[in-house]
Amino acid sequence: MKSIVSPNEKINAESWFPGRWIGGLSLVLGPILLLAGELLRVKYHFYYPDQLAAFKEQPTLMAASYGLFAAGIIVMWPGILALVRLIGAKKPGWALWGGILAIMGLFARMYHAGVDNLAYWLVQFQGLELATTFISESYAYNYQGFYVIATILFSGMIGWFVLAIGAFRSRTLNLPYSIALGLMGIHSLGVLKGTSWDTLVAVIGLCVALTPLGIKILQDGPTPSLSVAMKWFIVIVIIGGIFFFVGQNA
């Protein structure tokens, strides 16, 4: 059977997915967005009754908090792929399973973000009492029963441990940075989770481990000219504006 790629063919180092710029920016911005989301709700108690009460007391602040955290989850996946690529050069097994588990964990967190959003609007339109009753009576069903999200929930924790071990064994990160990366594995998963000591430690560890790596990836190659950078900035702003308009008016 003929090989898809000739062994003598030189593959462009910039051709990997998602690429140096997207992967590097993801590693820089993703953890920062997560940390910003955590800090905005730090004064409210961790569990859902207090989070629902905060939705009523400070709707703009809490919408920004949960929105930034969800944005961080969305932004993180290219960074995980970039990290997997680096680990996989020497430890492909650790890279494969760490990447799969961590990205599955992001999917689970986005499901929880959807429930958080529903709870937010329940408070705004139906009132705090009804929203609290509804969440209280249905809360366990987010974790129990024959449901796919409950099945992959644990991957959101174990995936970061696997990536951290792989990063250390492949020498992608040194021991302190690998430990900082692994701290994300203690971050609580679930619906309407506020900020606590473990979530702050986990996200700060993620910033410490991945932000410098993202900067290093961004610097590992030629820098575009100012004109090229401006063109891409304009394109991104226009496309982002179109996406925002369609999303708000669909």
Foldseek 3Di string as FASTA:
>chain_A
DDDPDDPPDDDDPQPDPPGLPLLLVLLAQLLVLLLQLQVLQVVFDFDQLRLLVCLVVPVVSNCSSLVSNLVSLVSNLRNLVVLLVLLCVQPNVLSVLLSVLQNLLSVLQVVLSVVQVVLSVCCVPVNSVVSVVVCVVCFCVSQDDDDDSNVSNLSNQVSQLSSLVSCPVSVVDDNQLSVLSNLLSQADGGHRGHHDPSNNSNSVSSNSNRNVVSVVSNPPDDDDDPVVVVVVVVVCVVVVVVVVVVVVVD
